[in-house]
Amino acid sequence: MARRKHSSKYTTYLRSPAWFALRKAHLEKYGADCKACGKTEKIHLHHKTYENLGHERAAELVALCESCHRGVHKFHKEHRSLTLWQATDQVVKTGRYRRS
């Protein structure tokens, strides 16, 4: 599967001190475990929407392991009628991409 290229604005933001601080605070408050499968390794902070980039609310973010993060984007690509937010919530709720 080809990787999606992110905009330079998004990439720059993910390298910024503001993002690192937000990520750290979010994971400390809500837990650094994958909300889909429970893993604690290779945790990403996934955006359910990019509408408020740089001004995200906690509800717009969710901790996912690398595998489940890829799974959310794959699921969203397969179900384009869903928003990214809806696809994320469905994967988290059902654990569709849980690994044993």
Protein backbone atom coordinates (compact mmCIF):
# COMPACT_ATOMS: atom_id res chain seq x y z
CA MET A 1 0.00 0.00 0.00
CA ALA A 2 1.37 3.41 -0.94
CA ARG A 3 1.90 5.81 1.91
CA ARG A 4 -0.08 9.01 1.87
CA LYS A 5 2.02 12.12 1.56
CA HIS A 6 1.22 14.69 4.20
CA SER A 7 1.29 18.40 3.53
CA SER A 8 4.42 20.27 4.55
CA LYS A 9 2.27 22.25 7.04
CA TYR A 10 1.16 19.01 8.72
CA THR A 11 4.67 17.54 8.74
CA THR A 12 6.13 20.75 10.17
CA TYR A 13 3.43 20.79 12.87
CA LEU A 14 4.17 17.18 13.88
CA ARG A 15 7.80 18.17 14.43
CA SER A 16 6.95 21.26 16.48
CA PRO A 17 7.37 21.75 20.23
CA ALA A 18 3.62 22.55 20.40
CA TRP A 19 2.71 19.10 19.02
CA PHE A 20 5.20 17.31 21.28
CA ALA A 21 3.75 19.10 24.31
CA LEU A 22 0.16 18.36 23.28
CA ARG A 23 0.99 14.71 22.56
CA LYS A 24 2.74 14.27 25.89
CA ALA A 25 -0.09 15.92 27.85
CA HIS A 26 -2.76 13.90 26.01
CA LEU A 27 -1.02 10.57 26.59
CA GLU A 28 -0.41 11.40 30.26
CA LYS A 29 -4.06 12.35 30.80
CA TYR A 30 -5.79 9.66 28.71
CA GLY A 31 -3.21 6.88 28.78
CA ALA A 32 -0.44 5.79 26.45
CA ASP A 33 -2.13 2.55 25.46
CA CYS A 34 -3.79 1.80 22.13
CA LYS A 35 -7.50 2.46 22.51
CA ALA A 36 -8.26 -0.26 19.93
CA CYS A 37 -6.10 -3.17 21.12
CA GLY A 38 -4.44 -2.15 24.40
CA LYS A 39 -0.82 -2.37 23.23
CA THR A 40 1.63 0.05 24.83
CA GLU A 41 4.40 -0.04 22.21
CA LYS A 42 4.78 2.28 19.19
CA ILE A 43 1.92 4.54 20.23
CA HIS A 44 0.82 7.23 17.79
CA LEU A 45 -1.58 10.05 18.55
CA HIS A 46 -4.07 9.87 15.69
CA HIS A 47 -6.12 12.82 14.42
CA LYS A 48 -9.78 11.93 13.91
CA THR A 49 -10.03 15.15 11.93
CA TYR A 50 -7.56 17.65 10.56
CA GLU A 51 -9.98 20.59 10.72
CA ASN A 52 -8.46 22.13 13.86
CA LEU A 53 -4.82 21.32 13.21
CA GLY A 54 -2.78 23.18 15.80
CA HIS A 55 -5.87 23.79 17.95
CA GLU A 56 -7.07 20.21 18.49
CA ARG A 57 -9.56 19.32 21.19
CA ALA A 58 -8.91 16.15 23.17
CA ALA A 59 -11.90 14.42 21.53
CA GLU A 60 -10.24 14.88 18.12
CA LEU A 61 -7.25 12.74 19.13
CA VAL A 62 -6.88 9.09 20.07
CA ALA A 63 -3.89 6.95 21.04
CA LEU A 64 -3.36 4.05 18.65
CA CYS A 65 -0.51 1.61 18.19
CA GLU A 66 1.25 1.74 14.85
CA SER A 67 -0.66 -1.29 13.55
CA CYS A 68 -4.11 -0.03 14.55
CA HIS A 69 -3.26 3.45 13.24
CA ARG A 70 -2.52 1.95 9.83
CA GLY A 71 -5.70 -0.09 10.19
CA VAL A 72 -7.84 2.99 10.79
CA HIS A 73 -6.56 4.62 7.61
CA LYS A 74 -7.04 1.38 5.66
CA PHE A 75 -10.59 1.02 7.00
CA HIS A 76 -11.34 4.64 6.11
CA LYS A 77 -10.00 4.13 2.60
CA GLU A 78 -12.23 1.06 2.23
CA HIS A 79 -15.30 2.89 3.62
CA ARG A 80 -15.17 6.33 2.03
CA SER A 81 -18.79 7.05 2.98
CA LEU A 82 -17.54 7.39 6.58
CA THR A 83 -15.66 10.40 7.85
CA LEU A 84 -12.21 9.73 9.29
CA TRP A 85 -13.75 10.37 12.73
CA GLN A 86 -16.47 7.75 12.15
CA ALA A 87 -13.99 5.24 10.77
CA THR A 88 -11.70 5.77 13.75
CA ASP A 89 -14.52 5.33 16.25
CA GLN A 90 -15.72 2.16 14.51
CA VAL A 91 -12.26 0.58 14.55
CA VAL A 92 -11.72 1.55 18.20
CA LYS A 93 -15.17 0.29 19.23
CA THR A 94 -14.99 -3.01 17.38
CA GLY A 95 -11.26 -3.64 17.72
CA ARG A 96 -11.35 -4.72 14.07
CA TYR A 97 -7.59 -4.46 13.73
CA ARG A 98 -6.71 -6.08 17.05
CA ARG A 99 -3.67 -8.29 16.93
CA SER A 100 -3.29 -11.27 19.23
